Protein backbone atom coordinates (compact mmCIF):
# COMPACT_ATOMS: atom_id res chain seq x y z
CA MET A 1 28.96 78.58 120.90
CA SER A 2 30.05 75.54 122.84
CA THR A 3 32.36 72.70 121.88
CA SER A 4 32.32 69.39 123.67
CA ALA A 5 33.95 66.02 123.12
CA GLY A 6 31.63 63.16 122.36
CA GLN A 7 31.72 59.57 121.31
CA ILE A 8 29.85 57.68 118.63
CA SER A 9 28.14 54.57 120.02
CA ALA A 10 26.37 51.61 118.49
CA TRP A 11 22.57 51.91 118.47
CA GLY A 12 20.70 49.01 116.89
CA ASN A 13 21.97 48.60 113.32
CA GLY A 14 23.25 52.18 113.26
CA LEU A 15 25.33 54.65 115.19
CA ALA A 16 24.34 57.41 117.62
CA LEU A 17 25.74 60.51 119.24
CA ARG A 18 24.45 61.35 122.71
CA LEU A 19 23.94 65.01 123.59
CA THR A 20 24.22 66.08 127.20
CA LYS A 21 21.29 68.05 128.66
CA PRO A 22 23.29 71.29 128.72
CA MET A 23 24.27 70.82 125.05
CA ALA A 24 20.68 70.11 124.02
CA LYS A 25 19.38 73.10 125.99
CA LEU A 26 21.96 75.43 124.43
CA ALA A 27 21.03 74.16 120.94
CA GLY A 28 17.32 74.48 121.70
CA VAL A 29 16.50 70.85 120.97
CA ALA A 30 14.55 68.16 122.78
CA GLU A 31 13.50 64.61 122.03
CA GLY A 32 11.75 64.57 118.65
CA SER A 33 13.19 67.89 117.43
CA PRO A 34 13.66 67.89 113.63
CA VAL A 35 17.27 68.39 112.55
CA ARG A 36 19.19 68.63 109.29
CA VAL A 37 22.35 66.52 109.08
CA THR A 38 25.06 67.45 106.58
CA VAL A 39 27.87 64.94 106.08
CA LYS A 40 31.22 65.52 104.37
CA PRO A 41 34.40 63.46 104.72
CA GLY A 42 35.60 63.94 108.29
CA ARG A 43 32.74 66.34 109.17
CA ILE A 44 29.18 65.96 110.51
CA VAL A 45 27.06 69.09 110.99
CA ILE A 46 23.74 68.87 112.84
CA GLU A 47 21.46 71.91 112.63
CA THR A 48 18.01 72.45 114.06
CA GLU A 49 15.34 72.61 111.42
CA THR A 50 12.44 74.66 112.62
CA GLU A 51 9.52 76.07 110.69
CA PRO A 52 9.34 79.84 110.99
CA THR A 53 6.23 81.22 112.66
CA LEU A 54 3.90 83.55 110.78
CA ASP A 55 5.16 86.44 112.91
CA GLN A 56 8.78 85.61 111.96
CA MET A 57 7.88 85.43 108.25
CA LEU A 58 6.00 88.74 108.40
CA ALA A 59 8.89 90.39 110.26
CA ALA A 60 11.28 89.23 107.51
CA PHE A 61 9.02 90.56 104.72
CA ASP A 62 10.66 93.38 102.74
CA PRO A 63 8.15 95.19 100.46
CA LYS A 64 11.01 96.56 98.31
CA LYS A 65 12.27 93.03 97.68
CA HIS A 66 9.01 91.05 97.70
CA GLY A 67 6.39 93.64 96.77
CA GLY A 68 4.98 94.54 93.37
CA GLU A 69 3.78 92.38 90.55
CA ALA A 70 4.52 88.68 90.58
CA MET A 71 5.20 88.79 86.82
CA ALA A 72 6.65 92.15 85.82
CA GLY A 73 6.80 91.18 82.12
CA GLY A 74 3.98 91.25 79.64
CA ALA A 75 1.45 88.50 79.02
CA VAL A 76 2.82 85.35 77.40
CA GLY A 77 1.33 82.15 75.98
CA VAL A 78 -2.40 81.64 76.49
CA GLU A 79 -2.62 84.86 78.55
CA ALA A 80 -1.53 86.92 75.53
CA PHE A 81 -4.26 85.45 73.36
CA ALA A 82 -6.92 85.72 76.09
CA ASN A 83 -6.15 89.44 76.58
CA GLY A 84 -5.78 90.19 72.87
CA ASP A 85 -2.10 91.17 73.40
CA ALA A 86 -0.77 88.79 70.73
């Protein structure tokens, strides 16, 4: 983790914060990188917002947590009538 002083500057009709190259490299961002900005009184948090790759999603898959039936309960509504369970 790195902390650095910065300064808010005017940019058109808004405000901007300039990141130094070392800060951007450490954060893994470049021009056009999507970020999530959370604002609270006296606090601005900027986080990278990246889409996980298929390999990352598959690596995070836990069959005990995500496996099994999508609906563990019995048939309800139209499904109950269609299956004769009602």
